[in-house]
């Protein structure tokens, strides 16, 4: 039994090494450009072991996507209902995954509009994300008239763009996407825009408070005026 457990542990460690090497290779070169020889070399295993653990190159790529998608299922399921919090949640946990972002960029370049590997799994993931937004909308965290599909696409654009176009971020802001200063500024902006999409803004609250104060002041002034008129009428009658 002990010997079998050791074999299983060794096999799992080998699989983890191959997975890590494959993620690096696929994110650097895409599915088409990645080579099984290079992945095996990175993992320090022979190709026969790689094929034994994962099967074909496409099977290995599918496994890489499956694991990354699994992480995003947890990310979606743990997303807060309040929109600004949800936007920050996606940015902090998903918008900084450089390897996965590069995988998606290579896929966009190489695929040419054909069927995607693990397409069904990914479609289901996005459907869960939109369903999550729909629940937030029902509970009053989002405006009723907003298009949730377009909203989710826009959320992805807001959180992923810095990783997709780091050179643009550097040219515009003078900072790298991973610079703590940029992350703080980006987070503050996402909070600001999230509050405005949901209608939960400090400015709105402040305006509402001013309106309420004016109404209370007007009501109080009207009441005082009525009291003064009433007293004047009483004095006139006494005379």
C-alpha atoms as a PDB file:
ATOM      1  CA  UNK A   1       0.000   0.000   0.000  1.00  0.00           C
ATOM      2  CA  UNK A   2       2.757   2.433   0.942  1.00  0.00           C
ATOM      3  CA  UNK A   3       4.505   1.736  -2.348  1.00  0.00           C
ATOM      4  CA  UNK A   4       1.301   2.369  -4.311  1.00  0.00           C
ATOM      5  CA  UNK A   5       0.695   5.667  -2.496  1.00  0.00           C
ATOM      6  CA  UNK A   6       4.253   6.755  -3.310  1.00  0.00           C
ATOM      7  CA  UNK A   7       3.698   5.927  -6.991  1.00  0.00           C
ATOM      8  CA  UNK A   8       0.443   7.936  -7.006  1.00  0.00           C
ATOM      9  CA  UNK A   9       2.186  10.904  -5.337  1.00  0.00           C
ATOM     10  CA  UNK A  10       5.001  10.778  -7.853  1.00  0.00           C
ATOM     11  CA  UNK A  11       2.524  10.595 -10.733  1.00  0.00           C
ATOM     12  CA  UNK A  12       0.546  13.548  -9.366  1.00  0.00           C
ATOM     13  CA  UNK A  13       3.743  15.592  -8.990  1.00  0.00           C
ATOM     14  CA  UNK A  14       4.675  14.719 -12.570  1.00  0.00           C
ATOM     15  CA  UNK A  15       1.234  15.763 -13.793  1.00  0.00           C
ATOM     16  CA  UNK A  16       1.531  19.074 -11.919  1.00  0.00           C
ATOM     17  CA  UNK A  17       4.956  19.743 -13.458  1.00  0.00           C
ATOM     18  CA  UNK A  18       3.630  18.978 -16.940  1.00  0.00           C
ATOM     19  CA  UNK A  19       0.585  21.203 -16.347  1.00  0.00           C
ATOM     20  CA  UNK A  20       2.742  24.134 -15.204  1.00  0.00           C
ATOM     21  CA  UNK A  21       5.064  23.719 -18.167  1.00  0.00           C
ATOM     22  CA  UNK A  22       2.129  23.457 -20.569  1.00  0.00           C
ATOM     23  CA  UNK A  23       0.488  26.607 -19.186  1.00  0.00           C
ATOM     24  CA  UNK A  24       3.725  28.521 -19.671  1.00  0.00           C
ATOM     25  CA  UNK A  25       4.267  27.179 -23.200  1.00  0.00           C
ATOM     26  CA  UNK A  26       0.684  27.658 -24.374  1.00  0.00           C
ATOM     27  CA  UNK A  27       0.441  31.185 -22.947  1.00  0.00           C
ATOM     28  CA  UNK A  28       3.761  32.132 -24.563  1.00  0.00           C
ATOM     29  CA  UNK A  29       3.091  30.634 -28.022  1.00  0.00           C
ATOM     30  CA  UNK A  30      -0.569  29.698 -28.261  1.00  0.00           C
ATOM     31  CA  UNK A  31      -1.931  26.248 -29.082  1.00  0.00           C
ATOM     32  CA  UNK A  32      -0.634  26.263 -32.653  1.00  0.00           C
ATOM     33  CA  UNK A  33       2.863  27.466 -31.755  1.00  0.00           C
ATOM     34  CA  UNK A  34       3.403  25.347 -28.645  1.00  0.00           C
ATOM     35  CA  UNK A  35       5.472  22.167 -29.034  1.00  0.00           C
ATOM     36  CA  UNK A  36       5.119  18.984 -27.047  1.00  0.00           C
ATOM     37  CA  UNK A  37       8.941  18.631 -27.029  1.00  0.00           C
ATOM     38  CA  UNK A  38       9.246  22.051 -25.388  1.00  0.00           C
ATOM     39  CA  UNK A  39       6.595  21.243 -22.777  1.00  0.00           C
ATOM     40  CA  UNK A  40       8.271  17.946 -21.901  1.00  0.00           C
ATOM     41  CA  UNK A  41      11.635  19.703 -21.680  1.00  0.00           C
ATOM     42  CA  UNK A  42      10.221  22.398 -19.373  1.00  0.00           C
ATOM     43  CA  UNK A  43       8.688  19.708 -17.163  1.00  0.00           C
ATOM     44  CA  UNK A  44      11.851  17.594 -17.292  1.00  0.00           C
ATOM     45  CA  UNK A  45       9.968  14.493 -18.399  1.00  0.00           C
ATOM     46  CA  UNK A  46      10.024  12.487 -21.608  1.00  0.00           C
ATOM     47  CA  UNK A  47       7.253  12.765 -24.176  1.00  0.00           C
ATOM     48  CA  UNK A  48       6.040   9.264 -23.461  1.00  0.00           C
ATOM     49  CA  UNK A  49       5.288  10.258 -19.858  1.00  0.00           C
ATOM     50  CA  UNK A  50       3.519  13.392 -21.074  1.00  0.00           C
ATOM     51  CA  UNK A  51       1.301  11.365 -23.396  1.00  0.00           C
ATOM     52  CA  UNK A  52       0.667   8.840 -20.623  1.00  0.00           C
ATOM     53  CA  UNK A  53      -0.490  11.568 -18.227  1.00  0.00           C
ATOM     54  CA  UNK A  54      -2.546  13.746 -20.588  1.00  0.00           C
ATOM     55  CA  UNK A  55      -2.879  12.121 -24.003  1.00  0.00           C
ATOM     56  CA  UNK A  56      -2.542  14.313 -27.098  1.00  0.00           C
ATOM     57  CA  UNK A  57      -1.453  17.934 -27.315  1.00  0.00           C
ATOM     58  CA  UNK A  58      -5.122  18.929 -27.701  1.00  0.00           C
ATOM     59  CA  UNK A  59      -6.039  16.872 -24.629  1.00  0.00           C
ATOM     60  CA  UNK A  60      -3.331  18.671 -22.645  1.00  0.00           C
ATOM     61  CA  UNK A  61      -4.559  22.070 -23.841  1.00  0.00           C
ATOM     62  CA  UNK A  62      -8.118  21.105 -22.905  1.00  0.00           C
ATOM     63  CA  UNK A  63      -6.930  20.162 -19.406  1.00  0.00           C
ATOM     64  CA  UNK A  64      -5.176  23.519 -19.027  1.00  0.00           C
ATOM     65  CA  UNK A  65      -8.383  25.304 -20.007  1.00  0.00           C
ATOM     66  CA  UNK A  66     -10.493  23.024 -17.795  1.00  0.00           C
ATOM     67  CA  UNK A  67      -8.456  23.910 -14.709  1.00  0.00           C
ATOM     68  CA  UNK A  68      -8.454  27.621 -15.481  1.00  0.00           C
ATOM     69  CA  UNK A  69     -12.210  27.546 -16.140  1.00  0.00           C
ATOM     70  CA  UNK A  70     -12.720  25.705 -12.852  1.00  0.00           C
ATOM     71  CA  UNK A  71     -10.959  28.561 -11.074  1.00  0.00           C
ATOM     72  CA  UNK A  72     -13.299  31.014 -12.777  1.00  0.00           C
ATOM     73  CA  UNK A  73     -16.375  29.072 -11.679  1.00  0.00           C
ATOM     74  CA  UNK A  74     -15.284  29.712  -8.088  1.00  0.00           C
ATOM     75  CA  UNK A  75     -14.608  33.342  -9.032  1.00  0.00           C
ATOM     76  CA  UNK A  76     -18.118  33.791 -10.478  1.00  0.00           C
ATOM     77  CA  UNK A  77     -19.853  31.996  -7.607  1.00  0.00           C
ATOM     78  CA  UNK A  78     -18.086  34.176  -5.032  1.00  0.00           C
ATOM     79  CA  UNK A  79     -18.944  37.434  -6.837  1.00  0.00           C
ATOM     80  CA  UNK A  80     -20.764  39.954  -4.579  1.00  0.00           C
ATOM     81  CA  UNK A  81     -24.218  41.188  -5.608  1.00  0.00           C
ATOM     82  CA  UNK A  82     -23.363  44.884  -5.286  1.00  0.00           C
ATOM     83  CA  UNK A  83     -22.063  45.885  -8.722  1.00  0.00           C
ATOM     84  CA  UNK A  84     -19.065  47.995  -7.649  1.00  0.00           C
ATOM     85  CA  UNK A  85     -17.905  45.187  -5.349  1.00  0.00           C
ATOM     86  CA  UNK A  86     -18.410  42.650  -8.167  1.00  0.00           C
ATOM     87  CA  UNK A  87     -16.301  44.718 -10.553  1.00  0.00           C
ATOM     88  CA  UNK A  88     -13.453  44.981  -8.043  1.00  0.00           C
ATOM     89  CA  UNK A  89     -13.751  41.270  -7.256  1.00  0.00           C
ATOM     90  CA  UNK A  90     -13.308  40.345 -10.924  1.00  0.00           C
ATOM     91  CA  UNK A  91     -10.400  42.755 -11.305  1.00  0.00           C
ATOM     92  CA  UNK A  92      -8.464  41.606  -8.249  1.00  0.00           C
ATOM     93  CA  UNK A  93      -8.971  37.883  -8.802  1.00  0.00           C
ATOM     94  CA  UNK A  94      -9.364  37.567 -12.570  1.00  0.00           C
ATOM     95  CA  UNK A  95      -7.926  40.674 -14.192  1.00  0.00           C
ATOM     96  CA  UNK A  96      -4.390  39.914 -13.060  1.00  0.00           C
ATOM     97  CA  UNK A  97      -4.113  36.369 -14.462  1.00  0.00           C
ATOM     98  CA  UNK A  98      -1.556  37.036 -17.174  1.00  0.00           C
ATOM     99  CA  UNK A  99      -1.213  33.440 -18.374  1.00  0.00           C
ATOM    100  CA  UNK A 100      -4.941  32.958 -18.952  1.00  0.00           C
ATOM    101  CA  UNK A 101      -5.232  36.362 -20.627  1.00  0.00           C
ATOM    102  CA  UNK A 102      -2.455  35.429 -23.048  1.00  0.00           C
ATOM    103  CA  UNK A 103      -4.090  32.072 -23.744  1.00  0.00           C
ATOM    104  CA  UNK A 104      -7.250  33.914 -24.779  1.00  0.00           C
ATOM    105  CA  UNK A 105      -5.286  36.365 -26.931  1.00  0.00           C
ATOM    106  CA  UNK A 106      -3.533  33.577 -28.799  1.00  0.00           C
ATOM    107  CA  UNK A 107      -6.830  31.782 -29.271  1.00  0.00           C
ATOM    108  CA  UNK A 108      -8.401  34.917 -30.763  1.00  0.00           C
ATOM    109  CA  UNK A 109      -5.504  35.161 -33.235  1.00  0.00           C
ATOM    110  CA  UNK A 110      -5.271  31.470 -34.153  1.00  0.00           C
ATOM    111  CA  UNK A 111      -8.895  30.324 -34.128  1.00  0.00           C
ATOM    112  CA  UNK A 112     -10.325  32.285 -37.039  1.00  0.00           C
ATOM    113  CA  UNK A 113     -13.920  31.968 -35.841  1.00  0.00           C
ATOM    114  CA  UNK A 114     -13.981  28.160 -35.701  1.00  0.00           C
ATOM    115  CA  UNK A 115     -15.200  25.942 -32.873  1.00  0.00           C
ATOM    116  CA  UNK A 116     -13.267  26.463 -29.666  1.00  0.00           C
ATOM    117  CA  UNK A 117     -11.714  23.863 -27.426  1.00  0.00           C
ATOM    118  CA  UNK A 118     -13.875  23.505 -24.290  1.00  0.00           C
ATOM    119  CA  UNK A 119     -16.426  25.833 -25.902  1.00  0.00           C
ATOM    120  CA  UNK A 120     -19.411  24.309 -24.100  1.00  0.00           C
ATOM    121  CA  UNK A 121     -17.761  24.598 -20.694  1.00  0.00           C
ATOM    122  CA  UNK A 122     -16.883  28.233 -21.280  1.00  0.00           C
ATOM    123  CA  UNK A 123     -20.334  29.118 -22.576  1.00  0.00           C
ATOM    124  CA  UNK A 124     -21.841  27.601 -19.433  1.00  0.00           C
ATOM    125  CA  UNK A 125     -19.436  29.661 -17.298  1.00  0.00           C
ATOM    126  CA  UNK A 126     -20.520  32.905 -18.971  1.00  0.00           C
ATOM    127  CA  UNK A 127     -24.180  31.943 -18.656  1.00  0.00           C
ATOM    128  CA  UNK A 128     -23.628  31.559 -14.914  1.00  0.00           C
ATOM    129  CA  UNK A 129     -22.035  34.999 -14.790  1.00  0.00           C
ATOM    130  CA  UNK A 130     -25.006  36.630 -16.550  1.00  0.00           C
ATOM    131  CA  UNK A 131     -27.410  34.688 -14.310  1.00  0.00           C
ATOM    132  CA  UNK A 132     -25.537  36.101 -11.319  1.00  0.00           C
ATOM    133  CA  UNK A 133     -26.071  39.629 -12.670  1.00  0.00           C
ATOM    134  CA  UNK A 134     -29.741  38.830 -13.278  1.00  0.00           C
ATOM    135  CA  UNK A 135     -30.141  37.863  -9.631  1.00  0.00           C
ATOM    136  CA  UNK A 136     -28.470  41.107  -8.555  1.00  0.00           C
ATOM    137  CA  UNK A 137     -30.841  43.006 -10.858  1.00  0.00           C
ATOM    138  CA  UNK A 138     -33.900  41.290  -9.334  1.00  0.00           C
ATOM    139  CA  UNK A 139     -32.697  42.255  -5.874  1.00  0.00           C
ATOM    140  CA  UNK A 140     -32.362  45.902  -6.861  1.00  0.00           C
ATOM    141  CA  UNK A 141     -28.573  46.163  -7.182  1.00  0.00           C
ATOM    142  CA  UNK A 142     -28.762  47.019 -10.905  1.00  0.00           C
ATOM    143  CA  UNK A 143     -31.157  49.165 -12.999  1.00  0.00           C
ATOM    144  CA  UNK A 144     -34.040  47.217 -14.558  1.00  0.00           C
ATOM    145  CA  UNK A 145     -33.434  48.588 -18.064  1.00  0.00           C
ATOM    146  CA  UNK A 146     -29.753  47.586 -18.376  1.00  0.00           C
ATOM    147  CA  UNK A 147     -28.717  44.908 -20.913  1.00  0.00           C
ATOM    148  CA  UNK A 148     -27.015  42.285 -18.745  1.00  0.00           C
ATOM    149  CA  UNK A 149     -25.183  40.577 -21.615  1.00  0.00           C
ATOM    150  CA  UNK A 150     -23.638  43.868 -22.700  1.00  0.00           C
ATOM    151  CA  UNK A 151     -22.919  44.717 -19.084  1.00  0.00           C
ATOM    152  CA  UNK A 152     -20.955  41.499 -18.543  1.00  0.00           C
ATOM    153  CA  UNK A 153     -18.962  42.019 -21.762  1.00  0.00           C
ATOM    154  CA  UNK A 154     -18.166  45.541 -20.572  1.00  0.00           C
ATOM    155  CA  UNK A 155     -17.117  44.242 -17.157  1.00  0.00           C
ATOM    156  CA  UNK A 156     -14.632  41.898 -18.815  1.00  0.00           C
ATOM    157  CA  UNK A 157     -13.310  44.743 -20.951  1.00  0.00           C
ATOM    158  CA  UNK A 158     -12.829  46.973 -17.909  1.00  0.00           C
ATOM    159  CA  UNK A 159     -10.959  44.400 -15.843  1.00  0.00           C
ATOM    160  CA  UNK A 160      -8.943  42.630 -18.568  1.00  0.00           C
ATOM    161  CA  UNK A 161      -7.835  45.463 -20.857  1.00  0.00           C
ATOM    162  CA  UNK A 162      -4.747  46.446 -18.782  1.00  0.00           C
ATOM    163  CA  UNK A 163      -3.415  42.882 -19.112  1.00  0.00           C
ATOM    164  CA  UNK A 164      -4.373  42.579 -22.776  1.00  0.00           C
ATOM    165  CA  UNK A 165      -2.733  45.882 -23.759  1.00  0.00           C
ATOM    166  CA  UNK A 166       0.021  46.546 -21.192  1.00  0.00           C
ATOM    167  CA  UNK A 167       1.950  48.729 -23.664  1.00  0.00           C
ATOM    168  CA  UNK A 168      -1.091  51.007 -24.043  1.00  0.00           C
ATOM    169  CA  UNK A 169      -1.407  51.286 -20.280  1.00  0.00           C
ATOM    170  CA  UNK A 170       2.280  52.142 -20.018  1.00  0.00           C
ATOM    171  CA  UNK A 171       2.068  54.802 -22.746  1.00  0.00           C
ATOM    172  CA  UNK A 172      -1.072  56.401 -21.310  1.00  0.00           C
ATOM    173  CA  UNK A 173      -0.393  56.195 -17.574  1.00  0.00           C
ATOM    174  CA  UNK A 174       3.371  55.805 -17.388  1.00  0.00           C
ATOM    175  CA  UNK A 175       2.871  52.681 -15.244  1.00  0.00           C
ATOM    176  CA  UNK A 176       2.809  48.932 -15.761  1.00  0.00           C
ATOM    177  CA  UNK A 177      -0.515  47.135 -15.128  1.00  0.00           C
ATOM    178  CA  UNK A 178       1.041  45.304 -12.183  1.00  0.00           C
ATOM    179  CA  UNK A 179       2.433  48.446 -10.554  1.00  0.00           C
ATOM    180  CA  UNK A 180       0.771  48.819  -7.101  1.00  0.00           C
ATOM    181  CA  UNK A 181       0.105  52.493  -7.859  1.00  0.00           C
ATOM    182  CA  UNK A 182      -1.742  51.595 -11.060  1.00  0.00           C
ATOM    183  CA  UNK A 183      -3.695  48.850  -9.288  1.00  0.00           C
ATOM    184  CA  UNK A 184      -4.806  51.332  -6.599  1.00  0.00           C
ATOM    185  CA  UNK A 185      -5.867  53.914  -9.182  1.00  0.00           C
ATOM    186  CA  UNK A 186      -7.625  51.305 -11.314  1.00  0.00           C
ATOM    187  CA  UNK A 187      -9.456  49.911  -8.291  1.00  0.00           C
ATOM    188  CA  UNK A 188     -10.618  53.393  -7.276  1.00  0.00           C
ATOM    189  CA  UNK A 189     -11.859  54.045 -10.828  1.00  0.00           C
ATOM    190  CA  UNK A 190     -13.699  50.719 -11.001  1.00  0.00           C
ATOM    191  CA  UNK A 191     -15.356  51.507  -7.666  1.00  0.00           C
ATOM    192  CA  UNK A 192     -16.382  54.929  -9.006  1.00  0.00           C
ATOM    193  CA  UNK A 193     -17.820  53.614 -12.266  1.00  0.00           C
ATOM    194  CA  UNK A 194     -19.465  50.643 -10.525  1.00  0.00           C
ATOM    195  CA  UNK A 195     -21.313  52.947  -8.138  1.00  0.00           C
ATOM    196  CA  UNK A 196     -22.612  55.014 -11.030  1.00  0.00           C
ATOM    197  CA  UNK A 197     -23.800  52.031 -13.056  1.00  0.00           C
ATOM    198  CA  UNK A 198     -25.769  50.757 -10.067  1.00  0.00           C
ATOM    199  CA  UNK A 199     -26.996  54.258  -9.139  1.00  0.00           C
ATOM    200  CA  UNK A 200     -25.446  53.949  -5.693  1.00  0.00           C
ATOM    201  CA  UNK A 201     -23.323  57.108  -5.728  1.00  0.00           C
ATOM    202  CA  UNK A 202     -22.219  59.541  -3.046  1.00  0.00           C
ATOM    203  CA  UNK A 203     -23.280  62.389  -5.333  1.00  0.00           C
ATOM    204  CA  UNK A 204     -26.775  60.924  -5.645  1.00  0.00           C
ATOM    205  CA  UNK A 205     -27.034  60.474  -1.898  1.00  0.00           C
ATOM    206  CA  UNK A 206     -25.809  64.009  -1.300  1.00  0.00           C
ATOM    207  CA  UNK A 207     -28.311  65.433  -3.768  1.00  0.00           C
ATOM    208  CA  UNK A 208     -31.109  63.444  -2.199  1.00  0.00           C
ATOM    209  CA  UNK A 209     -30.110  64.695   1.250  1.00  0.00           C
ATOM    210  CA  UNK A 210     -30.166  68.304   0.005  1.00  0.00           C
ATOM    211  CA  UNK A 211     -33.591  67.834  -1.537  1.00  0.00           C
ATOM    212  CA  UNK A 212     -34.912  66.272   1.656  1.00  0.00           C
ATOM    213  CA  UNK A 213     -33.448  69.077   3.777  1.00  0.00           C
ATOM    214  CA  UNK A 214     -35.046  71.668   1.499  1.00  0.00           C
ATOM    215  CA  UNK A 215     -38.386  69.896   1.720  1.00  0.00           C
ATOM    216  CA  UNK A 216     -38.145  69.717   5.502  1.00  0.00           C
ATOM    217  CA  UNK A 217     -37.158  73.376   5.620  1.00  0.00           C
ATOM    218  CA  UNK A 218     -40.033  74.346   3.363  1.00  0.00           C
ATOM    219  CA  UNK A 219     -42.478  72.300   5.429  1.00  0.00           C
ATOM    220  CA  UNK A 220     -41.151  73.813   8.652  1.00  0.00           C
ATOM    221  CA  UNK A 221     -41.342  77.325   7.193  1.00  0.00           C
ATOM    222  CA  UNK A 222     -44.904  76.739   5.996  1.00  0.00           C
ATOM    223  CA  UNK A 223     -45.893  75.434   9.401  1.00  0.00           C
ATOM    224  CA  UNK A 224     -44.331  78.434  11.135  1.00  0.00           C
ATOM    225  CA  UNK A 225     -46.102  80.834   8.751  1.00  0.00           C
ATOM    226  CA  UNK A 226     -49.446  79.171   9.452  1.00  0.00           C
ATOM    227  CA  UNK A 227     -48.809  79.461  13.198  1.00  0.00           C
ATOM    228  CA  UNK A 228     -48.006  83.177  12.902  1.00  0.00           C
ATOM    229  CA  UNK A 229     -51.140  83.841  10.831  1.00  0.00           C
ATOM    230  CA  UNK A 230     -53.279  81.927  13.313  1.00  0.00           C
ATOM    231  CA  UNK A 231     -51.894  83.918  16.256  1.00  0.00           C
ATOM    232  CA  UNK A 232     -52.459  87.211  14.424  1.00  0.00           C
ATOM    233  CA  UNK A 233     -56.073  86.293  13.788  1.00  0.00           C
ATOM    234  CA  UNK A 234     -56.565  85.429  17.448  1.00  0.00           C
ATOM    235  CA  UNK A 235     -55.131  88.817  18.547  1.00  0.00           C
ATOM    236  CA  UNK A 236     -57.400  90.609  16.074  1.00  0.00           C
ATOM    237  CA  UNK A 237     -60.462  88.848  17.478  1.00  0.00           C
ATOM    238  CA  UNK A 238     -59.468  89.721  21.066  1.00  0.00           C
ATOM    239  CA  UNK A 239     -59.257  93.380  20.173  1.00  0.00           C
END
